[in-house]
Amino acid sequence: MTTSVLDKTVEIISEKTGIDPEKIKPETELASIEIESLDLAEIIFDLEDEFDVEIEMNTATAWDNLKTIQDIADSVTALIAKDK
């Protein structure tokens, strides 16, 4: 896999928000870049498609558990490792 999960997460979030990817850091909180629950659901769907995984949590659970960019990337990375 040539693109890291974190890099792809940043890329997808940048596309959704219009924020320069250089300004999106692993510790960036979703709320601070105005990611709302519907945005998060779309980001999750895009990551599922990109990495061929299924993130099994509803939007409310995701919103409670995924607070930063790193949280999202870690969740996807764990699912990729689990599927191997």
PDB file of N, CA and C in Angstrom:
ATOM      1  N   MET A   1       0.850  -1.169   0.000  1.00  0.00           N
ATOM      2  CA  MET A   1       0.000   0.000   0.000  1.00  0.00           C
ATOM      3  C   MET A   1       0.899   1.236   0.000  1.00  0.00           C
ATOM      4  N   THR A   2       0.796   2.027  -1.052  1.00  0.00           N
ATOM      5  CA  THR A   2       1.711   3.143  -1.194  1.00  0.00           C
ATOM      6  C   THR A   2       1.301   4.369  -0.375  1.00  0.00           C
ATOM      7  N   THR A   3       0.027   4.541  -0.152  1.00  0.00           N
ATOM      8  CA  THR A   3      -0.442   5.679   0.627  1.00  0.00           C
ATOM      9  C   THR A   3      -0.802   5.195   2.023  1.00  0.00           C
ATOM     10  N   SER A   4      -0.284   5.871   3.035  1.00  0.00           N
ATOM     11  CA  SER A   4      -0.604   5.457   4.397  1.00  0.00           C
ATOM     12  C   SER A   4      -2.060   5.784   4.722  1.00  0.00           C
ATOM     13  N   VAL A   5      -2.581   5.092   5.694  1.00  0.00           N
ATOM     14  CA  VAL A   5      -3.960   5.334   6.132  1.00  0.00           C
ATOM     15  C   VAL A   5      -4.109   6.782   6.598  1.00  0.00           C
ATOM     16  N   LEU A   6      -3.145   7.267   7.353  1.00  0.00           N
ATOM     17  CA  LEU A   6      -3.215   8.644   7.836  1.00  0.00           C
ATOM     18  C   LEU A   6      -3.210   9.629   6.670  1.00  0.00           C
ATOM     19  N   ASP A   7      -2.324   9.414   5.702  1.00  0.00           N
ATOM     20  CA  ASP A   7      -2.263  10.313   4.544  1.00  0.00           C
ATOM     21  C   ASP A   7      -3.575  10.314   3.773  1.00  0.00           C
ATOM     22  N   LYS A   8      -4.146   9.139   3.581  1.00  0.00           N
ATOM     23  CA  LYS A   8      -5.409   9.044   2.836  1.00  0.00           C
ATOM     24  C   LYS A   8      -6.541   9.687   3.629  1.00  0.00           C
ATOM     25  N   THR A   9      -6.540   9.518   4.943  1.00  0.00           N
ATOM     26  CA  THR A   9      -7.553  10.151   5.789  1.00  0.00           C
ATOM     27  C   THR A   9      -7.468  11.665   5.652  1.00  0.00           C
ATOM     28  N   VAL A  10      -6.261  12.189   5.703  1.00  0.00           N
ATOM     29  CA  VAL A  10      -6.062  13.634   5.551  1.00  0.00           C
ATOM     30  C   VAL A  10      -6.534  14.088   4.166  1.00  0.00           C
ATOM     31  N   GLU A  11      -6.201  13.319   3.151  1.00  0.00           N
ATOM     32  CA  GLU A  11      -6.600  13.662   1.788  1.00  0.00           C
ATOM     33  C   GLU A  11      -8.122  13.724   1.656  1.00  0.00           C
ATOM     34  N   ILE A  12      -8.812  12.725   2.184  1.00  0.00           N
ATOM     35  CA  ILE A  12     -10.269  12.689   2.099  1.00  0.00           C
ATOM     36  C   ILE A  12     -10.880  13.855   2.865  1.00  0.00           C
ATOM     37  N   ILE A  13     -10.375  14.125   4.049  1.00  0.00           N
ATOM     38  CA  ILE A  13     -10.903  15.228   4.851  1.00  0.00           C
ATOM     39  C   ILE A  13     -10.633  16.559   4.162  1.00  0.00           C
ATOM     40  N   SER A  14      -9.481  16.704   3.560  1.00  0.00           N
ATOM     41  CA  SER A  14      -9.155  17.916   2.825  1.00  0.00           C
ATOM     42  C   SER A  14     -10.135  18.124   1.665  1.00  0.00           C
ATOM     43  N   GLU A  15     -10.429  17.044   0.942  1.00  0.00           N
ATOM     44  CA  GLU A  15     -11.378  17.127  -0.171  1.00  0.00           C
ATOM     45  C   GLU A  15     -12.774  17.521   0.313  1.00  0.00           C
ATOM     46  N   LYS A  16     -13.183  16.982   1.454  1.00  0.00           N
ATOM     47  CA  LYS A  16     -14.531  17.265   1.983  1.00  0.00           C
ATOM     48  C   LYS A  16     -14.657  18.678   2.533  1.00  0.00           C
ATOM     49  N   THR A  17     -13.564  19.184   3.115  1.00  0.00           N
ATOM     50  CA  THR A  17     -13.640  20.463   3.818  1.00  0.00           C
ATOM     51  C   THR A  17     -13.052  21.636   3.045  1.00  0.00           C
ATOM     52  N   GLY A  18     -12.201  21.343   2.071  1.00  0.00           N
ATOM     53  CA  GLY A  18     -11.511  22.409   1.361  1.00  0.00           C
ATOM     54  C   GLY A  18     -10.319  22.964   2.128  1.00  0.00           C
ATOM     55  N   ILE A  19      -9.967  22.330   3.236  1.00  0.00           N
ATOM     56  CA  ILE A  19      -8.826  22.763   4.039  1.00  0.00           C
ATOM     57  C   ILE A  19      -7.547  22.199   3.438  1.00  0.00           C
ATOM     58  N   ASP A  20      -6.514  23.032   3.385  1.00  0.00           N
ATOM     59  CA  ASP A  20      -5.205  22.611   2.893  1.00  0.00           C
ATOM     60  C   ASP A  20      -4.725  21.413   3.711  1.00  0.00           C
ATOM     61  N   PRO A  21      -4.349  20.311   3.035  1.00  0.00           N
ATOM     62  CA  PRO A  21      -3.920  19.117   3.784  1.00  0.00           C
ATOM     63  C   PRO A  21      -2.717  19.373   4.693  1.00  0.00           C
ATOM     64  N   GLU A  22      -1.894  20.357   4.368  1.00  0.00           N
ATOM     65  CA  GLU A  22      -0.752  20.687   5.227  1.00  0.00           C
ATOM     66  C   GLU A  22      -1.191  21.214   6.588  1.00  0.00           C
ATOM     67  N   LYS A  23      -2.425  21.704   6.671  1.00  0.00           N
ATOM     68  CA  LYS A  23      -2.943  22.254   7.928  1.00  0.00           C
ATOM     69  C   LYS A  23      -3.684  21.214   8.761  1.00  0.00           C
ATOM     70  N   ILE A  24      -3.862  20.020   8.194  1.00  0.00           N
ATOM     71  CA  ILE A  24      -4.564  18.944   8.901  1.00  0.00           C
ATOM     72  C   ILE A  24      -3.508  18.017   9.491  1.00  0.00           C
ATOM     73  N   LYS A  25      -3.423  17.989  10.789  1.00  0.00           N
ATOM     74  CA  LYS A  25      -2.424  17.192  11.512  1.00  0.00           C
ATOM     75  C   LYS A  25      -3.107  16.011  12.201  1.00  0.00           C
ATOM     76  N   PRO A  26      -2.342  14.988  12.594  1.00  0.00           N
ATOM     77  CA  PRO A  26      -2.950  13.838  13.290  1.00  0.00           C
ATOM     78  C   PRO A  26      -3.739  14.243  14.528  1.00  0.00           C
ATOM     79  N   GLU A  27      -3.253  15.243  15.244  1.00  0.00           N
ATOM     80  CA  GLU A  27      -3.922  15.655  16.484  1.00  0.00           C
ATOM     81  C   GLU A  27      -5.070  16.635  16.259  1.00  0.00           C
ATOM     82  N   THR A  28      -5.316  17.015  14.989  1.00  0.00           N
ATOM     83  CA  THR A  28      -6.404  17.934  14.686  1.00  0.00           C
ATOM     84  C   THR A  28      -7.731  17.322  15.116  1.00  0.00           C
ATOM     85  N   GLU A  29      -8.481  18.061  15.919  1.00  0.00           N
ATOM     86  CA  GLU A  29      -9.795  17.586  16.357  1.00  0.00           C
ATOM     87  C   GLU A  29     -10.823  17.861  15.263  1.00  0.00           C
ATOM     88  N   LEU A  30     -11.692  16.884  15.051  1.00  0.00           N
ATOM     89  CA  LEU A  30     -12.696  17.008  14.001  1.00  0.00           C
ATOM     90  C   LEU A  30     -13.557  18.245  14.202  1.00  0.00           C
ATOM     91  N   ALA A  31     -13.947  18.501  15.435  1.00  0.00           N
ATOM     92  CA  ALA A  31     -14.796  19.658  15.723  1.00  0.00           C
ATOM     93  C   ALA A  31     -14.100  20.967  15.358  1.00  0.00           C
ATOM     94  N   SER A  32     -12.779  21.002  15.489  1.00  0.00           N
ATOM     95  CA  SER A  32     -12.049  22.245  15.215  1.00  0.00           C
ATOM     96  C   SER A  32     -12.015  22.582  13.729  1.00  0.00           C
ATOM     97  N   ILE A  33     -12.258  21.592  12.866  1.00  0.00           N
ATOM     98  CA  ILE A  33     -12.318  21.863  11.432  1.00  0.00           C
ATOM     99  C   ILE A  33     -13.747  21.696  10.903  1.00  0.00           C
ATOM    100  N   GLU A  34     -14.673  21.790  11.833  1.00  0.00           N
ATOM    101  CA  GLU A  34     -16.105  21.805  11.528  1.00  0.00           C
ATOM    102  C   GLU A  34     -16.598  20.552  10.810  1.00  0.00           C
ATOM    103  N   ILE A  35     -16.034  19.393  11.195  1.00  0.00           N
ATOM    104  CA  ILE A  35     -16.548  18.114  10.718  1.00  0.00           C
ATOM    105  C   ILE A  35     -17.744  17.767  11.596  1.00  0.00           C
ATOM    106  N   GLU A  36     -18.896  17.585  10.984  1.00  0.00           N
ATOM    107  CA  GLU A  36     -20.105  17.214  11.717  1.00  0.00           C
ATOM    108  C   GLU A  36     -20.403  15.744  11.461  1.00  0.00           C
ATOM    109  N   SER A  37     -21.431  15.239  12.103  1.00  0.00           N
ATOM    110  CA  SER A  37     -21.700  13.800  12.031  1.00  0.00           C
ATOM    111  C   SER A  37     -21.955  13.320  10.608  1.00  0.00           C
ATOM    112  N   LEU A  38     -22.649  14.079   9.790  1.00  0.00           N
ATOM    113  CA  LEU A  38     -22.886  13.660   8.401  1.00  0.00           C
ATOM    114  C   LEU A  38     -21.572  13.632   7.627  1.00  0.00           C
ATOM    115  N   ASP A  39     -20.723  14.630   7.849  1.00  0.00           N
ATOM    116  CA  ASP A  39     -19.402  14.650   7.206  1.00  0.00           C
ATOM    117  C   ASP A  39     -18.594  13.424   7.619  1.00  0.00           C
ATOM    118  N   LEU A  40     -18.639  13.102   8.907  1.00  0.00           N
ATOM    119  CA  LEU A  40     -17.893  11.954   9.413  1.00  0.00           C
ATOM    120  C   LEU A  40     -18.385  10.665   8.758  1.00  0.00           C
ATOM    121  N   ALA A  41     -19.687  10.534   8.598  1.00  0.00           N
ATOM    122  CA  ALA A  41     -20.241   9.345   7.943  1.00  0.00           C
ATOM    123  C   ALA A  41     -19.709   9.234   6.514  1.00  0.00           C
ATOM    124  N   GLU A  42     -19.666  10.341   5.783  1.00  0.00           N
ATOM    125  CA  GLU A  42     -19.152  10.318   4.417  1.00  0.00           C
ATOM    126  C   GLU A  42     -17.660   9.969   4.391  1.00  0.00           C
ATOM    127  N   ILE A  43     -16.906  10.500   5.327  1.00  0.00           N
ATOM    128  CA  ILE A  43     -15.477  10.200   5.417  1.00  0.00           C
ATOM    129  C   ILE A  43     -15.275   8.711   5.700  1.00  0.00           C
ATOM    130  N   ILE A  44     -16.065   8.178   6.616  1.00  0.00           N
ATOM    131  CA  ILE A  44     -15.980   6.750   6.938  1.00  0.00           C
ATOM    132  C   ILE A  44     -16.297   5.901   5.711  1.00  0.00           C
ATOM    133  N   PHE A  45     -17.350   6.266   4.968  1.00  0.00           N
ATOM    134  CA  PHE A  45     -17.703   5.508   3.756  1.00  0.00           C
ATOM    135  C   PHE A  45     -16.556   5.539   2.746  1.00  0.00           C
ATOM    136  N   ASP A  46     -15.949   6.709   2.572  1.00  0.00           N
ATOM    137  CA  ASP A  46     -14.836   6.827   1.628  1.00  0.00           C
ATOM    138  C   ASP A  46     -13.644   5.971   2.059  1.00  0.00           C
ATOM    139  N   LEU A  47     -13.352   5.964   3.346  1.00  0.00           N
ATOM    140  CA  LEU A  47     -12.238   5.147   3.850  1.00  0.00           C
ATOM    141  C   LEU A  47     -12.544   3.662   3.720  1.00  0.00           C
ATOM    142  N   GLU A  48     -13.789   3.273   3.966  1.00  0.00           N
ATOM    143  CA  GLU A  48     -14.172   1.871   3.789  1.00  0.00           C
ATOM    144  C   GLU A  48     -13.937   1.443   2.347  1.00  0.00           C
ATOM    145  N   ASP A  49     -14.347   2.294   1.405  1.00  0.00           N
ATOM    146  CA  ASP A  49     -14.152   1.981  -0.010  1.00  0.00           C
ATOM    147  C   ASP A  49     -12.668   1.923  -0.369  1.00  0.00           C
ATOM    148  N   GLU A  50     -11.915   2.893   0.122  1.00  0.00           N
ATOM    149  CA  GLU A  50     -10.489   2.994  -0.208  1.00  0.00           C
ATOM    150  C   GLU A  50      -9.696   1.784   0.287  1.00  0.00           C
ATOM    151  N   PHE A  51      -9.995   1.339   1.505  1.00  0.00           N
ATOM    152  CA  PHE A  51      -9.192   0.283   2.125  1.00  0.00           C
ATOM    153  C   PHE A  51      -9.921  -1.054   2.215  1.00  0.00           C
ATOM    154  N   ASP A  52     -11.106  -1.132   1.623  1.00  0.00           N
ATOM    155  CA  ASP A  52     -11.876  -2.371   1.586  1.00  0.00           C
ATOM    156  C   ASP A  52     -12.061  -2.965   2.983  1.00  0.00           C
ATOM    157  N   VAL A  53     -12.532  -2.120   3.899  1.00  0.00           N
ATOM    158  CA  VAL A  53     -12.846  -2.543   5.261  1.00  0.00           C
ATOM    159  C   VAL A  53     -14.253  -2.062   5.601  1.00  0.00           C
ATOM    160  N   GLU A  54     -14.786  -2.595   6.673  1.00  0.00           N
ATOM    161  CA  GLU A  54     -16.087  -2.136   7.161  1.00  0.00           C
ATOM    162  C   GLU A  54     -15.918  -1.641   8.586  1.00  0.00           C
ATOM    163  N   ILE A  55     -16.206  -0.375   8.764  1.00  0.00           N
ATOM    164  CA  ILE A  55     -16.119   0.230  10.089  1.00  0.00           C
ATOM    165  C   ILE A  55     -17.490   0.061  10.724  1.00  0.00           C
ATOM    166  N   GLU A  56     -17.552  -0.859  11.685  1.00  0.00           N
ATOM    167  CA  GLU A  56     -18.840  -1.233  12.261  1.00  0.00           C
ATOM    168  C   GLU A  56     -19.191  -0.360  13.453  1.00  0.00           C
ATOM    169  N   MET A  57     -19.665   0.828  13.155  1.00  0.00           N
ATOM    170  CA  MET A  57     -20.186   1.680  14.208  1.00  0.00           C
ATOM    171  C   MET A  57     -21.153   2.659  13.569  1.00  0.00           C
ATOM    172  N   ASN A  58     -22.227   2.925  14.285  1.00  0.00           N
ATOM    173  CA  ASN A  58     -23.162   3.903  13.751  1.00  0.00           C
ATOM    174  C   ASN A  58     -22.571   5.303  13.926  1.00  0.00           C
ATOM    175  N   THR A  59     -23.207   6.271  13.331  1.00  0.00           N
ATOM    176  CA  THR A  59     -22.657   7.630  13.340  1.00  0.00           C
ATOM    177  C   THR A  59     -22.509   8.175  14.743  1.00  0.00           C
ATOM    178  N   ALA A  60     -23.456   7.880  15.620  1.00  0.00           N
ATOM    179  CA  ALA A  60     -23.370   8.383  16.997  1.00  0.00           C
ATOM    180  C   ALA A  60     -22.183   7.778  17.731  1.00  0.00           C
ATOM    181  N   THR A  61     -21.974   6.484  17.566  1.00  0.00           N
ATOM    182  CA  THR A  61     -20.830   5.822  18.194  1.00  0.00           C
ATOM    183  C   THR A  61     -19.529   6.365  17.621  1.00  0.00           C
ATOM    184  N   ALA A  62     -19.488   6.510  16.309  1.00  0.00           N
ATOM    185  CA  ALA A  62     -18.290   7.045  15.669  1.00  0.00           C
ATOM    186  C   ALA A  62     -17.989   8.438  16.198  1.00  0.00           C
ATOM    187  N   TRP A  63     -19.013   9.239  16.316  1.00  0.00           N
ATOM    188  CA  TRP A  63     -18.830  10.619  16.790  1.00  0.00           C
ATOM    189  C   TRP A  63     -18.260  10.624  18.205  1.00  0.00           C
ATOM    190  N   ASP A  64     -18.670   9.672  19.030  1.00  0.00           N
ATOM    191  CA  ASP A  64     -18.164   9.590  20.405  1.00  0.00           C
ATOM    192  C   ASP A  64     -16.727   9.074  20.455  1.00  0.00           C
ATOM    193  N   ASN A  65     -16.371   8.164  19.559  1.00  0.00           N
ATOM    194  CA  ASN A  65     -15.070   7.491  19.616  1.00  0.00           C
ATOM    195  C   ASN A  65     -13.982   8.132  18.763  1.00  0.00           C
ATOM    196  N   LEU A  66     -14.375   8.827  17.731  1.00  0.00           N
ATOM    197  CA  LEU A  66     -13.408   9.380  16.793  1.00  0.00           C
ATOM    198  C   LEU A  66     -13.369  10.896  16.946  1.00  0.00           C
ATOM    199  N   LYS A  67     -12.397  11.367  17.695  1.00  0.00           N
ATOM    200  CA  LYS A  67     -12.306  12.802  17.990  1.00  0.00           C
ATOM    201  C   LYS A  67     -11.254  13.520  17.152  1.00  0.00           C
ATOM    202  N   THR A  68     -10.219  12.791  16.721  1.00  0.00           N
ATOM    203  CA  THR A  68      -9.128  13.416  15.967  1.00  0.00           C
ATOM    204  C   THR A  68      -8.889  12.665  14.658  1.00  0.00           C
ATOM    205  N   ILE A  69      -8.075  13.261  13.818  1.00  0.00           N
ATOM    206  CA  ILE A  69      -7.695  12.616  12.565  1.00  0.00           C
ATOM    207  C   ILE A  69      -6.977  11.299  12.866  1.00  0.00           C
ATOM    208  N   GLN A  70      -6.114  11.307  13.874  1.00  0.00           N
ATOM    209  CA  GLN A  70      -5.380  10.091  14.247  1.00  0.00           C
ATOM    210  C   GLN A  70      -6.325   8.993  14.711  1.00  0.00           C
ATOM    211  N   ASP A  71      -7.384   9.340  15.429  1.00  0.00           N
ATOM    212  CA  ASP A  71      -8.365   8.340  15.870  1.00  0.00           C
ATOM    213  C   ASP A  71      -8.963   7.601  14.673  1.00  0.00           C
ATOM    214  N   ILE A  72      -9.298   8.348  13.640  1.00  0.00           N
ATOM    215  CA  ILE A  72      -9.874   7.737  12.433  1.00  0.00           C
ATOM    216  C   ILE A  72      -8.846   6.811  11.786  1.00  0.00           C
ATOM    217  N   ALA A  73      -7.644   7.314  11.593  1.00  0.00           N
ATOM    218  CA  ALA A  73      -6.598   6.518  10.946  1.00  0.00           C
ATOM    219  C   ALA A  73      -6.278   5.255  11.752  1.00  0.00           C
ATOM    220  N   ASP A  74      -6.237   5.386  13.066  1.00  0.00           N
ATOM    221  CA  ASP A  74      -5.954   4.219  13.920  1.00  0.00           C
ATOM    222  C   ASP A  74      -7.040   3.166  13.787  1.00  0.00           C
ATOM    223  N   SER A  75      -8.287   3.590  13.734  1.00  0.00           N
ATOM    224  CA  SER A  75      -9.406   2.643  13.593  1.00  0.00           C
ATOM    225  C   SER A  75      -9.315   1.885  12.290  1.00  0.00           C
ATOM    226  N   VAL A  76      -9.032   2.585  11.205  1.00  0.00           N
ATOM    227  CA  VAL A  76      -8.925   1.932   9.900  1.00  0.00           C
ATOM    228  C   VAL A  76      -7.704   1.005   9.871  1.00  0.00           C
ATOM    229  N   THR A  77      -6.590   1.460  10.413  1.00  0.00           N
ATOM    230  CA  THR A  77      -5.382   0.630  10.451  1.00  0.00           C
ATOM    231  C   THR A  77      -5.624  -0.664  11.221  1.00  0.00           C
ATOM    232  N   ALA A  78      -6.328  -0.573  12.333  1.00  0.00           N
ATOM    233  CA  ALA A  78      -6.637  -1.774  13.125  1.00  0.00           C
ATOM    234  C   ALA A  78      -7.515  -2.736  12.331  1.00  0.00           C
ATOM    235  N   LEU A  79      -8.462  -2.221  11.578  1.00  0.00           N
ATOM    236  CA  LEU A  79      -9.324  -3.079  10.773  1.00  0.00           C
ATOM    237  C   LEU A  79      -8.549  -3.755   9.646  1.00  0.00           C
ATOM    238  N   ILE A  80      -7.631  -3.016   9.037  1.00  0.00           N
ATOM    239  CA  ILE A  80      -6.806  -3.599   7.970  1.00  0.00           C
ATOM    240  C   ILE A  80      -5.966  -4.736   8.543  1.00  0.00           C
ATOM    241  N   ALA A  81      -5.356  -4.519   9.696  1.00  0.00           N
ATOM    242  CA  ALA A  81      -4.525  -5.545  10.328  1.00  0.00           C
ATOM    243  C   ALA A  81      -5.363  -6.770  10.704  1.00  0.00           C
ATOM    244  N   LYS A  82      -6.565  -6.529  11.174  1.00  0.00           N
ATOM    245  CA  LYS A  82      -7.453  -7.615  11.601  1.00  0.00           C
ATOM    246  C   LYS A  82      -7.870  -8.474  10.407  1.00  0.00           C
ATOM    247  N   ASP A  83      -8.028  -7.861   9.243  1.00  0.00           N
ATOM    248  CA  ASP A  83      -8.485  -8.588   8.054  1.00  0.00           C
ATOM    249  C   ASP A  83      -7.388  -9.390   7.387  1.00  0.00           C
ATOM    250  N   LYS A  84      -6.128  -9.184   7.791  1.00  0.00           N
ATOM    251  CA  LYS A  84      -5.024  -9.909   7.147  1.00  0.00           C
ATOM    252  C   LYS A  84      -4.917 -11.319   7.649  1.00  0.00           C
TER     253      LYS A  84
END
